[in-house]
């Protein structure tokens, strides 16, 4: 009986959040270790399916860097990076597009549909969703088909998310001549959330959030302002792969996203813990 009462209390705690967020859009960026751990992946897919069933409109943006690297290695193509960006020549962009839009995207769609969701896989080429141009490196290094977003035409996402579907988006952009561009998934998530004016943008990552001391798990910062982030980047505390995440948070906040979060995706049911509990987890970014 005690266990049943505890479960009832959990549902009651979630009730005001369900009421407040019903009909609202939540953009989730999914990647990192959670993608390669089957059990963690299953709990995240359960979370997203539940969000849809209780009246929210989740939109899922996914990455897939490790899978791309494995496929390139299998084809004897060397992976090269410059300042965290994958150098993407003509042969590499074919593999990137195949892995992201062809394999990973459809695997995620299948997982969600197996749980009772109605997921639809997309990439930036669909309905010109993510329009892009070639990214110009500040140090003039030719990165090939690495893109920067020029426009997000989110009408297709709005139509699907407001109906009974769960859009799943691969971070491939489309150029003026139909060429594919490889775009950082964190950047795509921020731009999509901004275009949708989402209620929440949640980045699932491999750590508990932004740490004041990078190597100290106990130094998680529960809330940051945009001004705080600028200072932490200047101080070198926020660096590497965390920078696109916080930049995505800032982009979203500046363009109407109400709340942005960086959450540990390597614990079970991270979305439910963040969205439907009084305490929440991770780092929240505000104005």
C-alpha atoms as a PDB file:
ATOM      1  CA  UNK A   1       0.000   0.000   0.000  1.00  0.00           C
ATOM      2  CA  UNK A   2       2.842   2.402   0.844  1.00  0.00           C
ATOM      3  CA  UNK A   3       4.321   1.932  -2.634  1.00  0.00           C
ATOM      4  CA  UNK A   4       0.946   2.607  -4.243  1.00  0.00           C
ATOM      5  CA  UNK A   5       0.517   5.795  -2.209  1.00  0.00           C
ATOM      6  CA  UNK A   6       3.993   6.977  -3.246  1.00  0.00           C
ATOM      7  CA  UNK A   7       3.073   6.412  -6.899  1.00  0.00           C
ATOM      8  CA  UNK A   8      -0.128   8.401  -6.387  1.00  0.00           C
ATOM      9  CA  UNK A   9       1.838  11.269  -4.843  1.00  0.00           C
ATOM     10  CA  UNK A  10       4.150  11.323  -7.860  1.00  0.00           C
ATOM     11  CA  UNK A  11       1.167  11.662 -10.193  1.00  0.00           C
ATOM     12  CA  UNK A  12      -0.328  14.451  -8.069  1.00  0.00           C
ATOM     13  CA  UNK A  13       3.013  16.300  -8.085  1.00  0.00           C
ATOM     14  CA  UNK A  14       3.021  16.121 -11.896  1.00  0.00           C
ATOM     15  CA  UNK A  15      -0.566  17.376 -12.285  1.00  0.00           C
ATOM     16  CA  UNK A  16       0.052  21.168 -12.213  1.00  0.00           C
ATOM     17  CA  UNK A  17       2.908  20.809 -14.704  1.00  0.00           C
ATOM     18  CA  UNK A  18       0.733  18.746 -17.058  1.00  0.00           C
ATOM     19  CA  UNK A  19      -2.027  21.363 -16.804  1.00  0.00           C
ATOM     20  CA  UNK A  20       0.342  24.269 -17.437  1.00  0.00           C
ATOM     21  CA  UNK A  21       2.178  22.632 -20.352  1.00  0.00           C
ATOM     22  CA  UNK A  22      -0.774  21.022 -22.118  1.00  0.00           C
ATOM     23  CA  UNK A  23      -0.711  22.007 -25.787  1.00  0.00           C
ATOM     24  CA  UNK A  24       2.771  23.561 -25.497  1.00  0.00           C
ATOM     25  CA  UNK A  25       5.799  22.622 -27.598  1.00  0.00           C
ATOM     26  CA  UNK A  26       8.888  21.057 -26.008  1.00  0.00           C
ATOM     27  CA  UNK A  27      12.030  20.668 -28.131  1.00  0.00           C
ATOM     28  CA  UNK A  28      14.422  17.932 -26.987  1.00  0.00           C
ATOM     29  CA  UNK A  29      17.962  17.470 -28.259  1.00  0.00           C
ATOM     30  CA  UNK A  30      18.974  13.820 -27.902  1.00  0.00           C
ATOM     31  CA  UNK A  31      22.535  12.579 -28.274  1.00  0.00           C
ATOM     32  CA  UNK A  32      25.664  11.441 -26.496  1.00  0.00           C
ATOM     33  CA  UNK A  33      25.875   8.313 -24.369  1.00  0.00           C
ATOM     34  CA  UNK A  34      22.094   7.978 -24.102  1.00  0.00           C
ATOM     35  CA  UNK A  35      21.983   7.126 -27.814  1.00  0.00           C
ATOM     36  CA  UNK A  36      24.349   4.183 -27.530  1.00  0.00           C
ATOM     37  CA  UNK A  37      22.880   2.650 -24.359  1.00  0.00           C
ATOM     38  CA  UNK A  38      19.771   0.663 -25.255  1.00  0.00           C
ATOM     39  CA  UNK A  39      18.222   0.864 -21.794  1.00  0.00           C
ATOM     40  CA  UNK A  40      18.736   4.611 -21.452  1.00  0.00           C
ATOM     41  CA  UNK A  41      17.455   5.131 -24.972  1.00  0.00           C
ATOM     42  CA  UNK A  42      14.308   3.184 -24.146  1.00  0.00           C
ATOM     43  CA  UNK A  43      13.534   5.329 -21.073  1.00  0.00           C
ATOM     44  CA  UNK A  44      13.969   8.537 -23.073  1.00  0.00           C
ATOM     45  CA  UNK A  45      11.667   7.251 -25.808  1.00  0.00           C
ATOM     46  CA  UNK A  46       9.145   6.346 -23.091  1.00  0.00           C
ATOM     47  CA  UNK A  47       9.397   9.884 -21.713  1.00  0.00           C
ATOM     48  CA  UNK A  48       8.776  11.458 -25.121  1.00  0.00           C
ATOM     49  CA  UNK A  49       5.838   9.154 -25.844  1.00  0.00           C
ATOM     50  CA  UNK A  50       4.318   9.979 -22.454  1.00  0.00           C
ATOM     51  CA  UNK A  51       4.749  13.719 -23.070  1.00  0.00           C
ATOM     52  CA  UNK A  52       2.665  13.355 -26.221  1.00  0.00           C
ATOM     53  CA  UNK A  53      -0.015  11.281 -24.522  1.00  0.00           C
ATOM     54  CA  UNK A  54      -0.508  13.797 -21.683  1.00  0.00           C
ATOM     55  CA  UNK A  55      -0.993  16.678 -24.102  1.00  0.00           C
ATOM     56  CA  UNK A  56       2.437  18.218 -24.767  1.00  0.00           C
ATOM     57  CA  UNK A  57       3.908  18.549 -28.272  1.00  0.00           C
ATOM     58  CA  UNK A  58       7.452  17.120 -28.224  1.00  0.00           C
ATOM     59  CA  UNK A  59       9.839  17.703 -31.137  1.00  0.00           C
ATOM     60  CA  UNK A  60      12.998  15.575 -31.060  1.00  0.00           C
ATOM     61  CA  UNK A  61      16.327  16.679 -32.597  1.00  0.00           C
ATOM     62  CA  UNK A  62      19.033  14.017 -32.623  1.00  0.00           C
ATOM     63  CA  UNK A  63      22.762  13.811 -33.202  1.00  0.00           C
ATOM     64  CA  UNK A  64      24.871  10.823 -34.180  1.00  0.00           C
ATOM     65  CA  UNK A  65      28.577  11.668 -34.300  1.00  0.00           C
ATOM     66  CA  UNK A  66      29.863   8.299 -32.986  1.00  0.00           C
ATOM     67  CA  UNK A  67      27.806   6.350 -35.539  1.00  0.00           C
ATOM     68  CA  UNK A  68      29.142   8.571 -38.331  1.00  0.00           C
ATOM     69  CA  UNK A  69      32.727   7.988 -37.177  1.00  0.00           C
ATOM     70  CA  UNK A  70      32.181   4.223 -37.048  1.00  0.00           C
ATOM     71  CA  UNK A  71      30.735   4.139 -40.554  1.00  0.00           C
ATOM     72  CA  UNK A  72      33.556   6.261 -41.949  1.00  0.00           C
ATOM     73  CA  UNK A  73      36.098   3.959 -40.292  1.00  0.00           C
ATOM     74  CA  UNK A  74      34.363   0.906 -41.776  1.00  0.00           C
ATOM     75  CA  UNK A  75      34.714   2.517 -45.220  1.00  0.00           C
ATOM     76  CA  UNK A  76      38.369   3.438 -44.574  1.00  0.00           C
ATOM     77  CA  UNK A  77      37.595   7.158 -44.578  1.00  0.00           C
ATOM     78  CA  UNK A  78      39.514   9.114 -41.961  1.00  0.00           C
ATOM     79  CA  UNK A  79      37.517  11.328 -39.583  1.00  0.00           C
ATOM     80  CA  UNK A  80      39.034  14.788 -39.337  1.00  0.00           C
ATOM     81  CA  UNK A  81      38.002  17.593 -36.991  1.00  0.00           C
ATOM     82  CA  UNK A  82      38.849  21.265 -36.708  1.00  0.00           C
ATOM     83  CA  UNK A  83      37.933  23.068 -33.492  1.00  0.00           C
ATOM     84  CA  UNK A  84      35.251  20.492 -32.748  1.00  0.00           C
ATOM     85  CA  UNK A  85      33.694  20.542 -36.234  1.00  0.00           C
ATOM     86  CA  UNK A  86      33.862  17.529 -38.519  1.00  0.00           C
ATOM     87  CA  UNK A  87      35.642  18.335 -41.789  1.00  0.00           C
ATOM     88  CA  UNK A  88      33.013  17.198 -44.294  1.00  0.00           C
ATOM     89  CA  UNK A  89      34.143  16.719 -47.885  1.00  0.00           C
ATOM     90  CA  UNK A  90      31.902  15.499 -50.697  1.00  0.00           C
ATOM     91  CA  UNK A  91      32.345  11.824 -49.868  1.00  0.00           C
ATOM     92  CA  UNK A  92      31.885  12.403 -46.129  1.00  0.00           C
ATOM     93  CA  UNK A  93      28.635  14.357 -46.485  1.00  0.00           C
ATOM     94  CA  UNK A  94      27.125  11.388 -48.320  1.00  0.00           C
ATOM     95  CA  UNK A  95      27.942   9.164 -45.348  1.00  0.00           C
ATOM     96  CA  UNK A  96      26.772  11.776 -42.818  1.00  0.00           C
ATOM     97  CA  UNK A  97      23.429  12.116 -44.586  1.00  0.00           C
ATOM     98  CA  UNK A  98      23.039   8.353 -44.909  1.00  0.00           C
ATOM     99  CA  UNK A  99      23.771   7.685 -41.220  1.00  0.00           C
ATOM    100  CA  UNK A 100      21.808  10.584 -39.734  1.00  0.00           C
ATOM    101  CA  UNK A 101      18.751  10.723 -41.983  1.00  0.00           C
ATOM    102  CA  UNK A 102      18.716   7.123 -43.173  1.00  0.00           C
ATOM    103  CA  UNK A 103      19.718   4.998 -40.191  1.00  0.00           C
ATOM    104  CA  UNK A 104      19.591   6.841 -36.854  1.00  0.00           C
ATOM    105  CA  UNK A 105      16.494   8.864 -37.659  1.00  0.00           C
ATOM    106  CA  UNK A 106      14.488   5.842 -38.724  1.00  0.00           C
ATOM    107  CA  UNK A 107      15.703   3.772 -35.765  1.00  0.00           C
ATOM    108  CA  UNK A 108      14.399   6.461 -33.382  1.00  0.00           C
ATOM    109  CA  UNK A 109      11.098   6.656 -35.258  1.00  0.00           C
ATOM    110  CA  UNK A 110      10.724   2.890 -34.968  1.00  0.00           C
ATOM    111  CA  UNK A 111      11.408   2.984 -31.198  1.00  0.00           C
ATOM    112  CA  UNK A 112       8.766   5.657 -30.620  1.00  0.00           C
ATOM    113  CA  UNK A 113       6.202   3.897 -32.791  1.00  0.00           C
ATOM    114  CA  UNK A 114       6.822   0.616 -30.968  1.00  0.00           C
ATOM    115  CA  UNK A 115       5.867   2.398 -27.721  1.00  0.00           C
ATOM    116  CA  UNK A 116       2.606   3.640 -29.205  1.00  0.00           C
ATOM    117  CA  UNK A 117       3.715   7.019 -30.500  1.00  0.00           C
ATOM    118  CA  UNK A 118       3.198   8.235 -34.040  1.00  0.00           C
ATOM    119  CA  UNK A 119       6.639   9.483 -34.986  1.00  0.00           C
ATOM    120  CA  UNK A 120       7.645  10.888 -38.363  1.00  0.00           C
ATOM    121  CA  UNK A 121      11.299  11.237 -39.388  1.00  0.00           C
ATOM    122  CA  UNK A 122      12.514  14.388 -41.123  1.00  0.00           C
ATOM    123  CA  UNK A 123      15.734  16.149 -42.039  1.00  0.00           C
ATOM    124  CA  UNK A 124      16.368  19.710 -43.130  1.00  0.00           C
ATOM    125  CA  UNK A 125      15.712  18.849 -46.761  1.00  0.00           C
ATOM    126  CA  UNK A 126      12.085  17.966 -46.058  1.00  0.00           C
ATOM    127  CA  UNK A 127       9.865  20.964 -46.937  1.00  0.00           C
ATOM    128  CA  UNK A 128      13.069  23.097 -46.813  1.00  0.00           C
ATOM    129  CA  UNK A 129      12.878  22.790 -43.058  1.00  0.00           C
ATOM    130  CA  UNK A 130      16.502  23.772 -42.286  1.00  0.00           C
ATOM    131  CA  UNK A 131      17.970  26.101 -44.906  1.00  0.00           C
ATOM    132  CA  UNK A 132      21.714  26.574 -44.763  1.00  0.00           C
ATOM    133  CA  UNK A 133      24.847  27.843 -46.432  1.00  0.00           C
ATOM    134  CA  UNK A 134      28.477  26.842 -46.163  1.00  0.00           C
ATOM    135  CA  UNK A 135      30.030  27.763 -42.828  1.00  0.00           C
ATOM    136  CA  UNK A 136      32.984  30.131 -43.190  1.00  0.00           C
ATOM    137  CA  UNK A 137      35.609  29.247 -40.603  1.00  0.00           C
ATOM    138  CA  UNK A 138      37.058  32.363 -38.879  1.00  0.00           C
ATOM    139  CA  UNK A 139      40.567  31.042 -39.559  1.00  0.00           C
ATOM    140  CA  UNK A 140      39.766  30.360 -43.254  1.00  0.00           C
ATOM    141  CA  UNK A 141      40.065  26.565 -42.937  1.00  0.00           C
ATOM    142  CA  UNK A 142      37.928  24.812 -45.558  1.00  0.00           C
ATOM    143  CA  UNK A 143      35.500  22.598 -43.624  1.00  0.00           C
ATOM    144  CA  UNK A 144      33.637  21.437 -46.722  1.00  0.00           C
ATOM    145  CA  UNK A 145      29.930  20.783 -46.326  1.00  0.00           C
ATOM    146  CA  UNK A 146      29.628  22.099 -42.783  1.00  0.00           C
ATOM    147  CA  UNK A 147      26.633  24.401 -42.710  1.00  0.00           C
ATOM    148  CA  UNK A 148      25.294  27.384 -40.821  1.00  0.00           C
ATOM    149  CA  UNK A 149      21.561  27.906 -40.664  1.00  0.00           C
ATOM    150  CA  UNK A 150      20.050  30.777 -42.629  1.00  0.00           C
ATOM    151  CA  UNK A 151      16.376  29.995 -41.992  1.00  0.00           C
ATOM    152  CA  UNK A 152      14.133  27.456 -40.271  1.00  0.00           C
ATOM    153  CA  UNK A 153      10.777  27.012 -42.000  1.00  0.00           C
ATOM    154  CA  UNK A 154       8.943  25.298 -39.182  1.00  0.00           C
ATOM    155  CA  UNK A 155       5.475  25.040 -40.750  1.00  0.00           C
ATOM    156  CA  UNK A 156       5.805  21.286 -41.308  1.00  0.00           C
ATOM    157  CA  UNK A 157       6.835  20.822 -37.659  1.00  0.00           C
ATOM    158  CA  UNK A 158       3.892  22.896 -36.449  1.00  0.00           C
ATOM    159  CA  UNK A 159       1.432  20.886 -38.521  1.00  0.00           C
ATOM    160  CA  UNK A 160       2.767  17.556 -37.270  1.00  0.00           C
ATOM    161  CA  UNK A 161       3.368  18.488 -33.617  1.00  0.00           C
ATOM    162  CA  UNK A 162      -0.039  20.095 -33.161  1.00  0.00           C
ATOM    163  CA  UNK A 163      -1.668  16.978 -34.574  1.00  0.00           C
ATOM    164  CA  UNK A 164      -1.013  13.483 -33.222  1.00  0.00           C
ATOM    165  CA  UNK A 165       2.554  13.110 -34.500  1.00  0.00           C
ATOM    166  CA  UNK A 166       6.029  13.337 -32.967  1.00  0.00           C
ATOM    167  CA  UNK A 167       8.517  14.954 -35.382  1.00  0.00           C
ATOM    168  CA  UNK A 168      12.041  13.503 -35.253  1.00  0.00           C
ATOM    169  CA  UNK A 169      14.609  15.727 -36.998  1.00  0.00           C
ATOM    170  CA  UNK A 170      18.081  14.829 -38.283  1.00  0.00           C
ATOM    171  CA  UNK A 171      20.519  17.788 -38.341  1.00  0.00           C
ATOM    172  CA  UNK A 172      21.046  17.951 -42.090  1.00  0.00           C
ATOM    173  CA  UNK A 173      20.558  21.340 -43.751  1.00  0.00           C
ATOM    174  CA  UNK A 174      19.739  22.087 -47.365  1.00  0.00           C
ATOM    175  CA  UNK A 175      21.507  24.658 -49.540  1.00  0.00           C
ATOM    176  CA  UNK A 176      20.125  26.861 -52.302  1.00  0.00           C
ATOM    177  CA  UNK A 177      20.978  24.245 -54.934  1.00  0.00           C
ATOM    178  CA  UNK A 178      19.682  21.300 -52.893  1.00  0.00           C
ATOM    179  CA  UNK A 179      23.073  20.283 -51.504  1.00  0.00           C
ATOM    180  CA  UNK A 180      23.250  18.736 -48.030  1.00  0.00           C
ATOM    181  CA  UNK A 181      25.054  20.378 -45.121  1.00  0.00           C
ATOM    182  CA  UNK A 182      26.235  18.827 -41.865  1.00  0.00           C
ATOM    183  CA  UNK A 183      25.080  21.023 -38.951  1.00  0.00           C
ATOM    184  CA  UNK A 184      25.739  20.673 -35.230  1.00  0.00           C
ATOM    185  CA  UNK A 185      22.627  19.122 -33.649  1.00  0.00           C
ATOM    186  CA  UNK A 186      22.777  21.463 -30.636  1.00  0.00           C
ATOM    187  CA  UNK A 187      22.663  24.434 -32.997  1.00  0.00           C
ATOM    188  CA  UNK A 188      19.728  22.927 -34.884  1.00  0.00           C
ATOM    189  CA  UNK A 189      17.840  22.364 -31.624  1.00  0.00           C
ATOM    190  CA  UNK A 190      18.294  25.985 -30.568  1.00  0.00           C
ATOM    191  CA  UNK A 191      17.221  27.351 -33.944  1.00  0.00           C
ATOM    192  CA  UNK A 192      14.201  25.048 -34.204  1.00  0.00           C
ATOM    193  CA  UNK A 193      13.065  25.884 -30.668  1.00  0.00           C
ATOM    194  CA  UNK A 194      13.411  29.591 -31.435  1.00  0.00           C
ATOM    195  CA  UNK A 195      11.440  29.288 -34.701  1.00  0.00           C
ATOM    196  CA  UNK A 196       8.681  27.345 -32.923  1.00  0.00           C
ATOM    197  CA  UNK A 197       8.739  29.676 -29.900  1.00  0.00           C
ATOM    198  CA  UNK A 198       8.748  26.522 -27.830  1.00  0.00           C
ATOM    199  CA  UNK A 199       7.776  26.501 -24.182  1.00  0.00           C
ATOM    200  CA  UNK A 200      10.895  24.499 -23.314  1.00  0.00           C
ATOM    201  CA  UNK A 201      14.178  23.508 -24.941  1.00  0.00           C
ATOM    202  CA  UNK A 202      15.974  20.611 -23.253  1.00  0.00           C
ATOM    203  CA  UNK A 203      19.482  19.407 -24.102  1.00  0.00           C
ATOM    204  CA  UNK A 204      20.197  15.847 -22.964  1.00  0.00           C
ATOM    205  CA  UNK A 205      23.928  15.536 -22.397  1.00  0.00           C
ATOM    206  CA  UNK A 206      26.438  13.257 -20.646  1.00  0.00           C
ATOM    207  CA  UNK A 207      26.820  15.295 -17.451  1.00  0.00           C
ATOM    208  CA  UNK A 208      24.423  16.772 -14.889  1.00  0.00           C
ATOM    209  CA  UNK A 209      24.600  20.310 -16.316  1.00  0.00           C
ATOM    210  CA  UNK A 210      27.022  23.225 -16.323  1.00  0.00           C
ATOM    211  CA  UNK A 211      29.698  22.833 -13.655  1.00  0.00           C
ATOM    212  CA  UNK A 212      31.426  25.749 -11.956  1.00  0.00           C
ATOM    213  CA  UNK A 213      34.449  23.458 -11.556  1.00  0.00           C
ATOM    214  CA  UNK A 214      34.515  21.309 -14.733  1.00  0.00           C
ATOM    215  CA  UNK A 215      35.930  18.202 -13.008  1.00  0.00           C
ATOM    216  CA  UNK A 216      33.727  18.435  -9.903  1.00  0.00           C
ATOM    217  CA  UNK A 217      30.306  16.751 -10.312  1.00  0.00           C
ATOM    218  CA  UNK A 218      29.102  18.485  -7.142  1.00  0.00           C
ATOM    219  CA  UNK A 219      29.623  21.977  -8.586  1.00  0.00           C
ATOM    220  CA  UNK A 220      26.541  21.928 -10.841  1.00  0.00           C
ATOM    221  CA  UNK A 221      25.019  25.386 -11.364  1.00  0.00           C
ATOM    222  CA  UNK A 222      21.238  25.018 -11.132  1.00  0.00           C
ATOM    223  CA  UNK A 223      20.401  28.328 -12.832  1.00  0.00           C
ATOM    224  CA  UNK A 224      22.327  30.624 -15.178  1.00  0.00           C
ATOM    225  CA  UNK A 225      21.530  33.915 -16.886  1.00  0.00           C
ATOM    226  CA  UNK A 226      22.795  34.856 -20.343  1.00  0.00           C
ATOM    227  CA  UNK A 227      25.188  37.311 -18.671  1.00  0.00           C
ATOM    228  CA  UNK A 228      26.516  34.508 -16.437  1.00  0.00           C
ATOM    229  CA  UNK A 229      27.140  32.305 -19.472  1.00  0.00           C
ATOM    230  CA  UNK A 230      29.095  35.010 -21.301  1.00  0.00           C
ATOM    231  CA  UNK A 231      31.378  35.386 -18.277  1.00  0.00           C
ATOM    232  CA  UNK A 232      31.849  31.630 -17.816  1.00  0.00           C
ATOM    233  CA  UNK A 233      32.833  31.263 -21.488  1.00  0.00           C
ATOM    234  CA  UNK A 234      35.348  34.103 -21.144  1.00  0.00           C
ATOM    235  CA  UNK A 235      36.745  32.427 -18.022  1.00  0.00           C
ATOM    236  CA  UNK A 236      37.085  29.102 -19.852  1.00  0.00           C
ATOM    237  CA  UNK A 237      34.715  27.328 -17.447  1.00  0.00           C
ATOM    238  CA  UNK A 238      32.231  26.657 -20.256  1.00  0.00           C
ATOM    239  CA  UNK A 239      34.187  25.244 -23.175  1.00  0.00           C
ATOM    240  CA  UNK A 240      34.260  22.562 -25.871  1.00  0.00           C
ATOM    241  CA  UNK A 241      31.029  20.729 -26.587  1.00  0.00           C
ATOM    242  CA  UNK A 242      29.134  22.653 -23.905  1.00  0.00           C
ATOM    243  CA  UNK A 243      29.411  25.906 -25.870  1.00  0.00           C
ATOM    244  CA  UNK A 244      26.941  24.949 -28.666  1.00  0.00           C
ATOM    245  CA  UNK A 245      24.471  23.838 -25.980  1.00  0.00           C
ATOM    246  CA  UNK A 246      24.549  27.095 -24.028  1.00  0.00           C
ATOM    247  CA  UNK A 247      24.514  29.069 -27.290  1.00  0.00           C
ATOM    248  CA  UNK A 248      21.407  27.110 -28.285  1.00  0.00           C
ATOM    249  CA  UNK A 249      19.864  27.996 -24.927  1.00  0.00           C
ATOM    250  CA  UNK A 250      20.667  31.679 -25.452  1.00  0.00           C
ATOM    251  CA  UNK A 251      19.276  31.668 -28.995  1.00  0.00           C
ATOM    252  CA  UNK A 252      16.060  30.129 -27.750  1.00  0.00           C
ATOM    253  CA  UNK A 253      15.640  32.528 -24.818  1.00  0.00           C
ATOM    254  CA  UNK A 254      16.314  35.580 -26.993  1.00  0.00           C
ATOM    255  CA  UNK A 255      13.656  34.501 -29.482  1.00  0.00           C
ATOM    256  CA  UNK A 256      10.837  33.602 -27.173  1.00  0.00           C
ATOM    257  CA  UNK A 257      11.540  30.159 -25.668  1.00  0.00           C
ATOM    258  CA  UNK A 258      10.363  30.426 -22.059  1.00  0.00           C
ATOM    259  CA  UNK A 259      12.750  27.964 -20.410  1.00  0.00           C
ATOM    260  CA  UNK A 260      15.896  26.177 -21.576  1.00  0.00           C
ATOM    261  CA  UNK A 261      17.593  23.318 -19.740  1.00  0.00           C
ATOM    262  CA  UNK A 262      20.785  21.252 -19.892  1.00  0.00           C
ATOM    263  CA  UNK A 263      20.060  17.866 -18.338  1.00  0.00           C
ATOM    264  CA  UNK A 264      21.897  14.587 -17.759  1.00  0.00           C
ATOM    265  CA  UNK A 265      20.517  12.132 -20.319  1.00  0.00           C
ATOM    266  CA  UNK A 266      22.386   9.176 -18.810  1.00  0.00           C
ATOM    267  CA  UNK A 267      19.942   8.717 -15.917  1.00  0.00           C
ATOM    268  CA  UNK A 268      16.582   6.961 -16.320  1.00  0.00           C
ATOM    269  CA  UNK A 269      13.634   9.151 -17.379  1.00  0.00           C
ATOM    270  CA  UNK A 270      15.477  12.499 -17.376  1.00  0.00           C
ATOM    271  CA  UNK A 271      12.659  14.349 -19.164  1.00  0.00           C
ATOM    272  CA  UNK A 272      10.018  13.359 -16.644  1.00  0.00           C
ATOM    273  CA  UNK A 273      12.305  14.318 -13.763  1.00  0.00           C
ATOM    274  CA  UNK A 274      12.978  17.733 -15.287  1.00  0.00           C
ATOM    275  CA  UNK A 275       9.485  18.604 -16.498  1.00  0.00           C
ATOM    276  CA  UNK A 276       7.127  17.021 -13.960  1.00  0.00           C
ATOM    277  CA  UNK A 277       8.857  17.339 -10.575  1.00  0.00           C
ATOM    278  CA  UNK A 278       9.143  20.250  -8.153  1.00  0.00           C
ATOM    279  CA  UNK A 279      12.923  19.971  -7.821  1.00  0.00           C
ATOM    280  CA  UNK A 280      13.978  19.350 -11.425  1.00  0.00           C
ATOM    281  CA  UNK A 281      17.507  18.428 -12.461  1.00  0.00           C
ATOM    282  CA  UNK A 282      20.377  19.945 -14.420  1.00  0.00           C
ATOM    283  CA  UNK A 283      21.001  23.597 -15.311  1.00  0.00           C
ATOM    284  CA  UNK A 284      18.256  26.024 -16.305  1.00  0.00           C
ATOM    285  CA  UNK A 285      19.164  29.027 -18.477  1.00  0.00           C
ATOM    286  CA  UNK A 286      17.134  32.229 -18.117  1.00  0.00           C
ATOM    287  CA  UNK A 287      17.403  35.836 -19.308  1.00  0.00           C
END
